[in-house]
N, C-alpha and C. Protein backbone atom coordinates (compact mmCIF):
# COMPACT_ATOMS: atom_id res chain seq x y z
N MET A 1 -93.43 132.57 39.05
CA MET A 1 -92.34 133.29 38.45
C MET A 1 -91.78 132.47 37.28
N GLU A 2 -91.59 133.12 36.13
CA GLU A 2 -91.06 132.47 34.93
C GLU A 2 -89.60 132.84 34.72
N GLU A 3 -88.83 131.85 34.24
CA GLU A 3 -87.42 132.09 33.95
C GLU A 3 -87.04 131.29 32.70
N PHE A 4 -86.47 131.96 31.72
CA PHE A 4 -85.97 131.33 30.50
C PHE A 4 -84.51 130.98 30.72
N ILE A 5 -84.15 129.71 30.50
CA ILE A 5 -82.79 129.27 30.77
C ILE A 5 -82.23 128.44 29.62
N VAL A 6 -80.91 128.33 29.58
CA VAL A 6 -80.24 127.36 28.72
C VAL A 6 -80.13 126.09 29.57
N LEU A 7 -80.66 125.00 29.05
CA LEU A 7 -80.64 123.74 29.78
C LEU A 7 -79.28 123.05 29.64
N ASP A 8 -78.85 122.43 30.71
CA ASP A 8 -77.64 121.62 30.67
C ASP A 8 -77.93 120.28 31.33
N GLU A 9 -76.93 119.45 31.42
CA GLU A 9 -77.10 118.09 31.93
C GLU A 9 -77.60 118.03 33.38
N SER A 10 -77.44 119.10 34.13
CA SER A 10 -77.89 119.09 35.52
C SER A 10 -79.41 118.92 35.63
N ARG A 11 -80.12 119.18 34.57
CA ARG A 11 -81.59 119.04 34.56
C ARG A 11 -82.04 117.86 33.70
N PHE A 12 -81.14 116.92 33.46
CA PHE A 12 -81.44 115.81 32.57
C PHE A 12 -82.68 115.03 33.00
N ASP A 13 -82.79 114.68 34.26
CA ASP A 13 -83.94 113.89 34.73
C ASP A 13 -85.25 114.65 34.51
N GLU A 14 -85.24 115.95 34.77
CA GLU A 14 -86.44 116.77 34.53
C GLU A 14 -86.78 116.80 33.04
N MET A 15 -85.75 116.91 32.21
CA MET A 15 -85.96 116.96 30.77
C MET A 15 -86.61 115.66 30.29
N ALA A 16 -86.09 114.54 30.73
CA ALA A 16 -86.65 113.25 30.32
C ALA A 16 -88.08 113.09 30.80
N GLN A 17 -88.35 113.48 32.02
CA GLN A 17 -89.70 113.35 32.57
C GLN A 17 -90.69 114.25 31.83
N LEU A 18 -90.29 115.50 31.56
CA LEU A 18 -91.17 116.41 30.82
C LEU A 18 -91.45 115.86 29.43
N TYR A 19 -90.43 115.35 28.77
CA TYR A 19 -90.62 114.77 27.44
C TYR A 19 -91.62 113.61 27.50
N LYS A 20 -91.42 112.73 28.46
CA LYS A 20 -92.28 111.55 28.59
C LYS A 20 -93.74 111.93 28.79
N VAL A 21 -94.02 112.82 29.73
CA VAL A 21 -95.42 113.17 30.01
C VAL A 21 -96.04 114.01 28.90
N SER A 22 -95.21 114.78 28.21
CA SER A 22 -95.74 115.64 27.14
C SER A 22 -96.24 114.84 25.95
N PHE A 23 -95.63 113.70 25.70
CA PHE A 23 -96.01 112.92 24.52
C PHE A 23 -96.73 111.62 24.86
N ALA A 24 -97.08 111.42 26.13
CA ALA A 24 -97.75 110.19 26.54
C ALA A 24 -99.23 110.17 26.14
N GLY A 25 -99.85 111.34 26.15
CA GLY A 25 -101.29 111.39 25.88
C GLY A 25 -101.63 111.69 24.43
N GLU A 26 -102.91 111.94 24.21
CA GLU A 26 -103.39 112.30 22.87
C GLU A 26 -102.73 113.57 22.40
N PRO A 27 -102.46 113.71 21.14
CA PRO A 27 -102.71 112.77 20.05
C PRO A 27 -101.52 111.87 19.75
N TRP A 28 -100.44 111.97 20.52
CA TRP A 28 -99.22 111.22 20.21
C TRP A 28 -99.26 109.79 20.74
N ASN A 29 -99.61 109.63 22.00
CA ASN A 29 -99.67 108.31 22.63
C ASN A 29 -98.35 107.55 22.53
N ASP A 30 -97.23 108.28 22.70
CA ASP A 30 -95.92 107.64 22.65
C ASP A 30 -95.70 106.81 23.92
N ASP A 31 -95.19 105.62 23.75
CA ASP A 31 -94.92 104.74 24.88
C ASP A 31 -93.43 104.81 25.24
N TRP A 32 -93.10 105.66 26.21
CA TRP A 32 -91.73 105.79 26.68
C TRP A 32 -91.57 105.06 28.01
N SER A 33 -92.19 103.89 28.14
CA SER A 33 -92.12 103.15 29.41
C SER A 33 -90.75 102.52 29.64
N ASP A 34 -89.94 102.39 28.60
CA ASP A 34 -88.59 101.86 28.76
C ASP A 34 -87.67 103.02 29.16
N PRO A 35 -87.27 103.08 30.43
CA PRO A 35 -86.47 104.21 30.90
C PRO A 35 -85.11 104.33 30.22
N VAL A 36 -84.53 103.23 29.80
CA VAL A 36 -83.24 103.26 29.11
C VAL A 36 -83.41 103.90 27.74
N GLN A 37 -84.44 103.49 27.02
CA GLN A 37 -84.70 104.04 25.69
C GLN A 37 -84.98 105.55 25.79
N LEU A 38 -85.76 105.95 26.77
CA LEU A 38 -86.06 107.36 26.99
C LEU A 38 -84.79 108.14 27.30
N ALA A 39 -84.00 107.65 28.21
CA ALA A 39 -82.76 108.35 28.60
C ALA A 39 -81.81 108.47 27.41
N GLU A 40 -81.67 107.40 26.64
CA GLU A 40 -80.77 107.44 25.49
C GLU A 40 -81.27 108.45 24.45
N TYR A 41 -82.57 108.49 24.22
CA TYR A 41 -83.12 109.42 23.23
C TYR A 41 -82.88 110.86 23.67
N VAL A 42 -83.23 111.18 24.90
CA VAL A 42 -83.07 112.55 25.39
C VAL A 42 -81.60 112.93 25.41
N ARG A 43 -80.74 112.01 25.80
CA ARG A 43 -79.30 112.28 25.81
C ARG A 43 -78.79 112.55 24.38
N GLU A 44 -79.23 111.75 23.42
CA GLU A 44 -78.81 111.92 22.02
C GLU A 44 -79.14 113.31 21.49
N ILE A 45 -80.36 113.74 21.72
CA ILE A 45 -80.78 115.00 21.11
C ILE A 45 -80.42 116.23 21.93
N SER A 46 -80.00 116.02 23.16
CA SER A 46 -79.69 117.18 24.00
C SER A 46 -78.20 117.40 24.23
N SER A 47 -77.36 116.47 23.81
CA SER A 47 -75.95 116.62 24.17
C SER A 47 -74.99 116.38 23.01
N GLY A 48 -75.47 116.46 21.80
CA GLY A 48 -74.60 116.25 20.65
C GLY A 48 -73.74 117.48 20.35
N TYR A 49 -73.00 117.39 19.27
CA TYR A 49 -72.15 118.48 18.81
C TYR A 49 -73.01 119.71 18.55
N ASN A 50 -72.63 120.85 19.09
CA ASN A 50 -73.35 122.12 18.95
C ASN A 50 -74.75 122.10 19.56
N ALA A 51 -74.96 121.24 20.55
CA ALA A 51 -76.27 121.17 21.20
C ALA A 51 -76.62 122.53 21.80
N LEU A 52 -77.91 122.87 21.71
CA LEU A 52 -78.42 124.09 22.33
C LEU A 52 -79.83 123.79 22.79
N ASN A 53 -80.03 123.83 24.09
CA ASN A 53 -81.30 123.45 24.69
C ASN A 53 -81.81 124.57 25.58
N PHE A 54 -83.10 124.86 25.44
CA PHE A 54 -83.71 125.93 26.22
C PHE A 54 -84.81 125.38 27.09
N GLY A 55 -85.02 126.04 28.21
CA GLY A 55 -86.09 125.65 29.11
C GLY A 55 -86.83 126.86 29.63
N LEU A 56 -88.06 126.63 30.00
CA LEU A 56 -88.87 127.63 30.67
C LEU A 56 -89.23 127.07 32.03
N LEU A 57 -88.74 127.73 33.06
CA LEU A 57 -89.08 127.35 34.42
C LEU A 57 -90.25 128.18 34.89
N ILE A 58 -91.22 127.54 35.49
CA ILE A 58 -92.33 128.25 36.13
C ILE A 58 -92.32 127.81 37.58
N ASP A 59 -92.11 128.78 38.46
CA ASP A 59 -91.96 128.51 39.89
C ASP A 59 -90.90 127.43 40.15
N GLY A 60 -89.80 127.51 39.39
CA GLY A 60 -88.67 126.61 39.58
C GLY A 60 -88.80 125.25 38.92
N LYS A 61 -89.95 124.97 38.29
CA LYS A 61 -90.19 123.66 37.68
C LYS A 61 -90.12 123.79 36.17
N LEU A 62 -89.46 122.81 35.51
CA LEU A 62 -89.35 122.81 34.06
C LEU A 62 -90.74 122.63 33.45
N ALA A 63 -91.21 123.65 32.74
CA ALA A 63 -92.55 123.65 32.18
C ALA A 63 -92.56 123.52 30.67
N ALA A 64 -91.47 123.89 30.03
CA ALA A 64 -91.35 123.77 28.57
C ALA A 64 -89.88 123.63 28.24
N MET A 65 -89.61 122.97 27.12
CA MET A 65 -88.22 122.84 26.71
C MET A 65 -88.13 122.68 25.20
N SER A 66 -86.99 123.09 24.70
CA SER A 66 -86.63 122.91 23.30
C SER A 66 -85.25 122.29 23.27
N LEU A 67 -85.15 121.14 22.63
CA LEU A 67 -83.88 120.44 22.53
C LEU A 67 -83.44 120.48 21.08
N GLY A 68 -82.23 120.97 20.84
CA GLY A 68 -81.79 121.09 19.47
C GLY A 68 -80.32 121.36 19.34
N MET A 69 -79.94 121.94 18.20
CA MET A 69 -78.53 122.19 17.93
C MET A 69 -78.38 123.38 16.99
N ILE A 70 -77.21 123.95 17.04
CA ILE A 70 -76.84 124.97 16.07
C ILE A 70 -76.32 124.22 14.84
N ARG A 71 -76.85 124.59 13.68
CA ARG A 71 -76.47 123.88 12.45
C ARG A 71 -76.08 124.87 11.38
N HIS A 72 -74.93 124.65 10.80
CA HIS A 72 -74.42 125.53 9.75
C HIS A 72 -74.89 125.05 8.39
N TRP A 73 -75.37 125.98 7.60
CA TRP A 73 -75.91 125.69 6.28
C TRP A 73 -75.46 126.77 5.33
N TRP A 74 -75.49 126.54 4.04
CA TRP A 74 -74.99 127.51 3.08
C TRP A 74 -75.74 128.84 3.14
N GLU A 75 -77.01 128.81 3.58
CA GLU A 75 -77.79 130.05 3.69
C GLU A 75 -77.55 130.80 4.99
N GLY A 76 -76.89 130.15 5.92
CA GLY A 76 -76.63 130.76 7.22
C GLY A 76 -76.72 129.73 8.33
N THR A 77 -76.53 130.17 9.53
CA THR A 77 -76.52 129.28 10.69
C THR A 77 -77.88 129.32 11.37
N ASN A 78 -78.43 128.16 11.61
CA ASN A 78 -79.79 128.03 12.17
C ASN A 78 -79.78 127.31 13.51
N TYR A 79 -80.91 127.44 14.20
CA TYR A 79 -81.19 126.61 15.36
C TYR A 79 -82.15 125.53 14.88
N ASN A 80 -81.70 124.28 14.91
CA ASN A 80 -82.54 123.15 14.51
C ASN A 80 -83.16 122.55 15.76
N ILE A 81 -84.46 122.60 15.83
CA ILE A 81 -85.17 122.03 16.98
C ILE A 81 -85.47 120.56 16.68
N GLU A 82 -84.98 119.70 17.54
CA GLU A 82 -85.29 118.27 17.45
C GLU A 82 -86.60 117.97 18.17
N GLU A 83 -86.78 118.55 19.33
CA GLU A 83 -88.01 118.34 20.12
C GLU A 83 -88.35 119.62 20.86
N LEU A 84 -89.62 119.94 20.89
CA LEU A 84 -90.13 121.05 21.68
C LEU A 84 -91.38 120.55 22.37
N CYS A 85 -91.48 120.80 23.65
CA CYS A 85 -92.68 120.36 24.36
C CYS A 85 -93.00 121.30 25.51
N VAL A 86 -94.27 121.29 25.84
CA VAL A 86 -94.82 122.08 26.94
C VAL A 86 -95.57 121.11 27.84
N ALA A 87 -95.46 121.28 29.13
CA ALA A 87 -96.18 120.42 30.07
C ALA A 87 -97.65 120.36 29.69
N PRO A 88 -98.25 119.18 29.69
CA PRO A 88 -99.64 119.03 29.24
C PRO A 88 -100.63 119.99 29.91
N GLU A 89 -100.45 120.25 31.19
CA GLU A 89 -101.40 121.13 31.89
C GLU A 89 -101.27 122.59 31.47
N LEU A 90 -100.22 122.94 30.74
CA LEU A 90 -100.01 124.32 30.29
C LEU A 90 -100.28 124.49 28.80
N GLN A 91 -100.55 123.41 28.09
CA GLN A 91 -100.81 123.51 26.66
C GLN A 91 -102.13 124.23 26.41
N GLY A 92 -102.16 125.02 25.35
CA GLY A 92 -103.37 125.75 24.99
C GLY A 92 -103.58 127.03 25.78
N ARG A 93 -102.59 127.45 26.54
CA ARG A 93 -102.71 128.64 27.40
C ARG A 93 -101.74 129.75 27.00
N GLY A 94 -101.08 129.60 25.86
CA GLY A 94 -100.13 130.62 25.41
C GLY A 94 -98.71 130.41 25.90
N THR A 95 -98.47 129.38 26.69
CA THR A 95 -97.13 129.11 27.22
C THR A 95 -96.17 128.78 26.09
N GLY A 96 -96.59 127.94 25.15
CA GLY A 96 -95.73 127.56 24.04
C GLY A 96 -95.38 128.74 23.15
N THR A 97 -96.37 129.60 22.88
CA THR A 97 -96.13 130.78 22.05
C THR A 97 -95.16 131.73 22.75
N ALA A 98 -95.35 131.94 24.04
CA ALA A 98 -94.43 132.80 24.79
C ALA A 98 -93.02 132.20 24.80
N PHE A 99 -92.94 130.91 24.99
CA PHE A 99 -91.64 130.21 25.00
C PHE A 99 -90.96 130.34 23.64
N MET A 100 -91.72 130.16 22.56
CA MET A 100 -91.15 130.29 21.23
C MET A 100 -90.62 131.70 21.00
N GLY A 101 -91.33 132.71 21.49
CA GLY A 101 -90.85 134.08 21.38
C GLY A 101 -89.53 134.28 22.10
N LEU A 102 -89.38 133.67 23.25
CA LEU A 102 -88.12 133.76 24.00
C LEU A 102 -86.98 133.07 23.24
N ILE A 103 -87.29 131.93 22.65
CA ILE A 103 -86.28 131.22 21.85
C ILE A 103 -85.85 132.09 20.67
N GLU A 104 -86.82 132.66 19.96
CA GLU A 104 -86.50 133.51 18.82
C GLU A 104 -85.61 134.69 19.22
N ASN A 105 -85.93 135.33 20.32
CA ASN A 105 -85.11 136.44 20.79
C ASN A 105 -83.69 135.99 21.11
N GLU A 106 -83.57 134.83 21.74
CA GLU A 106 -82.25 134.32 22.11
C GLU A 106 -81.42 133.97 20.88
N ILE A 107 -82.01 133.28 19.92
CA ILE A 107 -81.20 132.90 18.76
C ILE A 107 -80.87 134.13 17.91
N ARG A 108 -81.76 135.11 17.88
CA ARG A 108 -81.47 136.36 17.17
C ARG A 108 -80.28 137.06 17.82
N SER A 109 -80.26 137.08 19.16
CA SER A 109 -79.15 137.73 19.88
C SER A 109 -77.83 137.00 19.66
N ARG A 110 -77.89 135.72 19.30
CA ARG A 110 -76.68 134.93 19.02
C ARG A 110 -76.25 135.06 17.55
N GLY A 111 -77.01 135.82 16.78
CA GLY A 111 -76.67 136.04 15.38
C GLY A 111 -77.10 134.93 14.44
N LEU A 112 -77.97 134.05 14.89
CA LEU A 112 -78.44 132.96 14.04
C LEU A 112 -79.52 133.47 13.08
N CYS A 113 -79.66 132.77 11.96
CA CYS A 113 -80.54 133.22 10.89
C CYS A 113 -81.98 132.74 11.02
N GLY A 114 -82.19 131.56 11.56
CA GLY A 114 -83.55 131.02 11.58
C GLY A 114 -83.66 129.80 12.44
N ILE A 115 -84.87 129.24 12.41
CA ILE A 115 -85.19 128.02 13.16
C ILE A 115 -85.72 127.01 12.16
N PHE A 116 -85.19 125.79 12.23
CA PHE A 116 -85.66 124.70 11.39
C PHE A 116 -86.18 123.61 12.30
N LEU A 117 -87.30 122.99 11.92
CA LEU A 117 -87.87 121.87 12.67
C LEU A 117 -88.75 121.04 11.77
N GLN A 118 -89.11 119.89 12.23
CA GLN A 118 -90.05 119.02 11.54
C GLN A 118 -91.15 118.63 12.51
N THR A 119 -92.36 118.46 11.98
CA THR A 119 -93.48 117.99 12.78
C THR A 119 -94.44 117.24 11.87
N ASP A 120 -95.40 116.59 12.45
CA ASP A 120 -96.41 115.86 11.69
C ASP A 120 -97.55 116.80 11.32
N SER A 121 -98.01 116.73 10.08
CA SER A 121 -99.06 117.63 9.61
C SER A 121 -100.43 117.32 10.22
N ASP A 122 -100.59 116.16 10.83
CA ASP A 122 -101.88 115.79 11.41
C ASP A 122 -101.94 115.99 12.92
N LYS A 123 -100.98 116.71 13.48
CA LYS A 123 -100.94 116.94 14.93
C LYS A 123 -101.16 118.41 15.24
N PRO A 124 -101.60 118.73 16.45
CA PRO A 124 -101.81 120.13 16.84
C PRO A 124 -100.55 120.98 16.72
N SER A 125 -99.39 120.36 16.84
CA SER A 125 -98.13 121.11 16.72
C SER A 125 -98.01 121.77 15.35
N TYR A 126 -98.56 121.15 14.33
CA TYR A 126 -98.51 121.74 12.97
C TYR A 126 -99.19 123.10 12.98
N ARG A 127 -100.38 123.18 13.52
CA ARG A 127 -101.11 124.46 13.60
C ARG A 127 -100.40 125.45 14.51
N PHE A 128 -99.79 124.96 15.58
CA PHE A 128 -99.03 125.81 16.49
C PHE A 128 -97.90 126.52 15.74
N TYR A 129 -97.13 125.77 14.97
CA TYR A 129 -96.00 126.38 14.26
C TYR A 129 -96.48 127.35 13.18
N ILE A 130 -97.53 127.02 12.47
CA ILE A 130 -98.08 127.94 11.47
C ILE A 130 -98.51 129.24 12.17
N LYS A 131 -99.21 129.11 13.29
CA LYS A 131 -99.67 130.28 14.05
C LYS A 131 -98.50 131.15 14.50
N ASN A 132 -97.36 130.52 14.76
CA ASN A 132 -96.19 131.24 15.24
C ASN A 132 -95.24 131.67 14.13
N GLY A 133 -95.74 131.72 12.90
CA GLY A 133 -94.99 132.31 11.79
C GLY A 133 -94.08 131.38 11.01
N PHE A 134 -94.11 130.09 11.29
CA PHE A 134 -93.30 129.15 10.53
C PHE A 134 -93.96 128.88 9.19
N LYS A 135 -93.15 128.66 8.18
CA LYS A 135 -93.63 128.37 6.83
C LYS A 135 -93.28 126.93 6.48
N GLU A 136 -94.24 126.26 5.87
CA GLU A 136 -94.01 124.89 5.45
C GLU A 136 -93.09 124.89 4.23
N LEU A 137 -92.10 124.01 4.25
CA LEU A 137 -91.18 123.87 3.12
C LEU A 137 -91.78 122.86 2.15
N ASP A 138 -92.43 123.37 1.11
CA ASP A 138 -93.19 122.52 0.19
C ASP A 138 -92.35 121.42 -0.46
N GLN A 139 -91.08 121.67 -0.69
CA GLN A 139 -90.27 120.71 -1.41
C GLN A 139 -89.43 119.84 -0.49
N HIS A 140 -89.51 120.07 0.81
CA HIS A 140 -88.75 119.27 1.77
C HIS A 140 -89.54 117.99 2.06
N VAL A 141 -88.89 116.86 1.95
CA VAL A 141 -89.54 115.59 2.19
C VAL A 141 -88.70 114.80 3.17
N SER A 142 -89.36 114.15 4.11
CA SER A 142 -88.66 113.26 5.03
C SER A 142 -88.96 111.82 4.60
N PHE A 143 -87.97 110.96 4.72
CA PHE A 143 -88.13 109.56 4.37
C PHE A 143 -87.83 108.68 5.59
N TYR A 144 -88.46 107.50 5.61
CA TYR A 144 -88.20 106.51 6.64
C TYR A 144 -88.44 105.14 6.02
N LYS A 145 -87.60 104.20 6.37
CA LYS A 145 -87.78 102.82 5.93
C LYS A 145 -87.56 101.93 7.12
N ARG A 146 -88.57 101.17 7.50
CA ARG A 146 -88.44 100.22 8.61
C ARG A 146 -87.73 98.98 8.10
N VAL A 147 -86.69 98.55 8.82
CA VAL A 147 -85.92 97.39 8.41
C VAL A 147 -86.03 96.25 9.42
N LYS A 148 -86.60 96.52 10.57
CA LYS A 148 -86.77 95.49 11.59
C LYS A 148 -88.18 94.91 11.45
N GLU A 149 -88.26 93.61 11.41
CA GLU A 149 -89.57 92.91 11.28
C GLU A 149 -90.29 92.93 12.59
């Protein structure tokens, strides 16, 4: 049985665990072995000002989640996704596409204008978002500068 829910802090441990396992393997290979760093990251992106987090439960277990926020912009109010993940065993089976459709319906019902997110162009998520109707912002650039040696 599937259920689309708004996630809150009561599912924090499940959220952190799903995030960790979703990005542990190929192609990301993220090392979230530091439980404090993992908890702080998930808490930061899931509980800030105007936070809005969605989950997909399958048989009562968190199978997919989107962690983000409502963000006001001159063109309208959007849902900014910080992280979206699907349990590894469900990837490639249409779960993510179905979940994205549920998110779109929910934000449309809230009167929001769109969804904004960032991803890496060399990862499968890039093709996933293109397949699901997202358009690449050609002039949008992200910057990063490492300052720690």
